[in-house]
Amino acid sequence: MEIYDFSKDPVAIATLVLAFFTAILALGTFLIIRQNSKFREKDRKERLLYEIIEWATEITNPRSGILLKDILIFEDKSKSALNMTIKIAKMISDLQGLVGQNTYIILIASSFNSELKSAIENLLNELHKYIDFLDYLFTKLTKEFSEKKYIEFEESDVKKGDSLETSINKLAVELIIKTVKIKTKDNR
């Protein structure tokens, strides 16, 4: 049996060289597509983690810029109970909007780990307590509004409001730290 001598056939040599470079090109294309896919996945994860950070930051710094302690403690006594009622209603509205995003935020956290999801659930539980407390204050204000022009809050209300705000801020900061740790771990 005779072995074919490729060295004497320039078309065969060109075909082999072309096949070799086509295989190299295909391998290079595959590696580039795979690398691009990894970059997109990393970018998607970072964007989702950023959404969690943004959500937690919004809880600690509401859009309205109103903090309960500003209303309960530092409220100018010349301002009416109506003004306080409006501010608390605005706070409730802002916080309920953030709570409305909870399903999406929990879904994002579930794609990372249970610790992140648990941190979000703890924050949401505290946030619900805070909204319930604000509802209580709102009801109290609307009842007393018809009887008095100015309202003094009880010290226990001030302490409870401050305690809830502090707890929410602490849980939000812990959530942000956990999220940043995941983000930095993924960037290594």
Protein backbone atom coordinates (compact mmCIF):
# COMPACT_ATOMS: atom_id res chain seq x y z
CA MET A 1 0.00 0.00 0.00
CA GLU A 2 1.32 3.35 -1.02
CA ILE A 3 1.16 6.46 1.23
CA TYR A 4 0.09 9.66 -0.49
CA ASP A 5 2.85 12.27 -0.61
CA PHE A 6 1.30 15.67 0.22
CA SER A 7 4.57 17.51 -0.36
CA LYS A 8 4.17 17.16 -4.11
CA ASP A 9 0.53 18.41 -4.19
CA PRO A 10 0.26 22.18 -3.52
CA VAL A 11 -3.57 22.06 -3.41
CA ALA A 12 -3.49 19.40 -0.70
CA ILE A 13 -0.95 21.45 1.31
CA ALA A 14 -3.08 24.60 0.95
CA THR A 15 -6.16 22.65 2.01
CA LEU A 16 -4.42 21.29 5.11
CA VAL A 17 -3.09 24.74 6.05
CA LEU A 18 -6.53 26.25 5.49
CA ALA A 19 -8.17 23.54 7.61
CA PHE A 20 -5.63 24.11 10.38
CA PHE A 21 -6.17 27.89 10.43
CA THR A 22 -9.96 27.43 10.24
CA ALA A 23 -9.78 25.21 13.34
CA ILE A 24 -7.62 27.84 15.11
CA LEU A 25 -10.09 30.57 14.11
CA ALA A 26 -13.04 28.49 15.35
CA LEU A 27 -11.29 27.85 18.66
CA GLY A 28 -10.48 31.56 19.02
CA THR A 29 -14.09 32.51 18.25
CA PHE A 30 -15.36 30.00 20.80
CA LEU A 31 -13.03 31.39 23.49
CA ILE A 32 -14.02 34.99 22.73
CA ILE A 33 -17.74 34.14 22.89
CA ARG A 34 -17.22 32.25 26.15
CA GLN A 35 -15.25 35.15 27.66
CA ASN A 36 -17.88 37.65 26.49
CA SER A 37 -20.60 35.54 28.09
CA LYS A 38 -18.67 35.50 31.39
CA PHE A 39 -18.29 39.30 31.26
CA ARG A 40 -22.02 39.74 30.61
CA GLU A 41 -22.91 37.42 33.50
CA LYS A 42 -20.53 39.28 35.83
CA ASP A 43 -21.99 42.62 34.70
CA ARG A 44 -25.54 41.32 35.27
CA LYS A 45 -24.64 40.18 38.81
CA GLU A 46 -23.02 43.52 39.61
CA ARG A 47 -26.08 45.38 38.33
CA LEU A 48 -28.40 43.25 40.48
CA LEU A 49 -26.22 43.71 43.55
CA TYR A 50 -26.17 47.45 42.89
CA GLU A 51 -30.00 47.42 42.84
CA ILE A 52 -30.02 45.86 46.31
CA ILE A 53 -27.56 48.49 47.57
CA GLU A 54 -29.63 51.27 46.01
CA TRP A 55 -32.83 49.90 47.58
CA ALA A 56 -31.23 49.68 51.06
CA THR A 57 -29.77 53.16 50.69
CA GLU A 58 -33.18 54.53 49.74
CA ILE A 59 -34.61 53.04 52.95
CA THR A 60 -32.04 54.83 55.09
CA ASN A 61 -32.32 58.08 53.11
CA PRO A 62 -35.92 58.40 51.94
CA ARG A 63 -36.66 60.57 48.90
CA SER A 64 -38.88 62.81 50.97
CA GLY A 65 -35.92 63.62 53.22
CA ILE A 66 -38.26 63.39 56.20
CA LEU A 67 -37.11 61.59 59.31
CA LEU A 68 -39.56 60.77 62.07
CA LYS A 69 -37.34 62.18 64.80
CA ASP A 70 -37.41 65.52 62.97
CA ILE A 71 -41.19 65.51 63.27
CA LEU A 72 -41.52 64.11 66.79
CA ILE A 73 -38.70 65.97 68.51
CA PHE A 74 -37.66 68.97 66.48
CA GLU A 75 -41.01 69.95 65.00
CA ASP A 76 -41.54 73.68 65.40
CA LYS A 77 -44.39 74.08 67.86
CA SER A 78 -45.86 76.81 65.73
CA LYS A 79 -46.52 74.28 62.97
CA SER A 80 -49.86 72.63 63.04
CA ALA A 81 -50.81 69.03 63.61
CA LEU A 82 -51.99 69.05 60.00
CA ASN A 83 -48.42 69.68 58.85
CA MET A 84 -47.16 66.76 60.95
CA THR A 85 -49.94 64.53 59.62
CA ILE A 86 -49.02 65.37 56.03
CA LYS A 87 -45.34 64.61 56.66
CA ILE A 88 -46.10 61.25 58.28
CA ALA A 89 -48.47 60.36 55.43
CA LYS A 90 -45.66 61.16 52.97
CA MET A 91 -43.25 58.96 54.92
CA ILE A 92 -45.74 56.08 54.89
CA SER A 93 -46.24 56.49 51.17
CA ASP A 94 -42.49 56.52 50.45
CA LEU A 95 -41.80 53.48 52.62
CA GLN A 96 -44.72 51.50 51.19
CA GLY A 97 -43.29 52.16 47.73
CA LEU A 98 -39.99 50.66 48.83
CA VAL A 99 -41.73 47.69 50.46
CA GLY A 100 -43.58 47.21 47.16
CA GLN A 101 -40.23 46.34 45.57
CA ASN A 102 -39.60 43.57 48.11
CA THR A 103 -40.60 40.66 45.85
CA TYR A 104 -38.12 41.76 43.21
CA ILE A 105 -35.35 42.42 45.75
CA ILE A 106 -35.88 39.03 47.44
CA LEU A 107 -35.83 37.35 44.04
CA ILE A 108 -32.49 39.03 43.26
CA ALA A 109 -31.08 37.99 46.66
CA SER A 110 -32.24 34.40 46.15
CA SER A 111 -30.00 34.16 43.11
CA PHE A 112 -26.95 34.87 45.29
CA ASN A 113 -27.24 33.24 48.71
CA SER A 114 -29.58 32.62 51.62
CA GLU A 115 -27.63 34.96 53.91
CA LEU A 116 -28.39 37.93 51.66
CA LYS A 117 -32.03 36.89 51.36
CA SER A 118 -32.28 36.55 55.14
CA ALA A 119 -30.78 40.03 55.65
CA ILE A 120 -33.37 41.49 53.29
CA GLU A 121 -36.21 39.66 55.04
CA ASN A 122 -35.01 40.97 58.44
CA LEU A 123 -34.91 44.50 57.08
CA LEU A 124 -38.38 44.12 55.59
CA ASN A 125 -39.80 42.82 58.88
CA GLU A 126 -38.42 45.86 60.70
CA LEU A 127 -39.67 48.14 57.94
CA HIS A 128 -43.18 46.72 58.30
CA LYS A 129 -43.03 47.41 62.06
CA TYR A 130 -41.97 50.97 61.30
CA ILE A 131 -44.80 51.49 58.81
CA ASP A 132 -47.27 50.08 61.36
CA PHE A 133 -45.89 52.54 63.93
CA LEU A 134 -46.25 55.41 61.46
CA ASP A 135 -49.84 54.31 60.81
CA TYR A 136 -50.44 54.39 64.56
CA LEU A 137 -49.03 57.94 64.75
CA PHE A 138 -51.05 58.99 61.73
CA THR A 139 -54.25 57.67 63.32
CA LYS A 140 -53.36 59.35 66.60
CA LEU A 141 -52.73 62.66 64.84
CA THR A 142 -55.94 62.57 62.84
CA LYS A 143 -57.97 61.78 65.98
CA GLU A 144 -56.31 64.53 68.03
CA PHE A 145 -56.27 67.00 65.16
CA SER A 146 -59.94 67.79 65.57
CA GLU A 147 -59.46 68.41 69.30
CA LYS A 148 -56.16 70.31 69.40
CA LYS A 149 -54.29 72.67 67.16
CA TYR A 150 -50.87 71.52 68.37
CA ILE A 151 -49.91 68.03 69.44
CA GLU A 152 -47.19 66.92 71.81
CA PHE A 153 -45.99 63.35 71.38
CA GLU A 154 -45.39 61.11 74.35
CA GLU A 155 -41.80 60.30 75.18
CA SER A 156 -42.51 56.59 74.58
CA ASP A 157 -43.57 57.40 70.99
CA VAL A 158 -40.39 59.37 70.44
CA LYS A 159 -38.24 56.55 71.84
CA LYS A 160 -40.04 53.86 69.85
CA GLY A 161 -39.75 55.86 66.63
CA ASP A 162 -36.07 56.52 67.24
CA SER A 163 -35.46 52.86 68.09
CA LEU A 164 -37.18 51.68 64.90
CA GLU A 165 -35.29 54.16 62.72
CA THR A 166 -31.99 53.12 64.33
CA SER A 167 -32.77 49.43 63.85
CA ILE A 168 -33.74 49.93 60.19
CA ASN A 169 -30.58 51.93 59.52
CA LYS A 170 -28.43 49.26 61.20
CA LEU A 171 -30.06 46.43 59.21
CA ALA A 172 -29.78 48.40 55.96
CA VAL A 173 -26.07 49.06 56.55
CA GLU A 174 -25.52 45.36 57.33
CA LEU A 175 -27.31 44.46 54.10
CA ILE A 176 -25.17 46.89 52.12
CA ILE A 177 -22.00 45.44 53.68
CA LYS A 178 -23.05 41.86 52.83
CA THR A 179 -23.89 42.92 49.29
CA VAL A 180 -20.57 44.71 48.83
CA LYS A 181 -18.72 41.62 50.15
CA ILE A 182 -20.43 39.48 47.51
CA LYS A 183 -19.63 42.06 44.85
CA THR A 184 -15.94 42.27 45.84
CA LYS A 185 -15.63 38.51 46.12
CA ASP A 186 -16.99 38.14 42.58
CA ASN A 187 -14.54 40.77 41.26
CA ARG A 188 -11.48 38.79 42.32
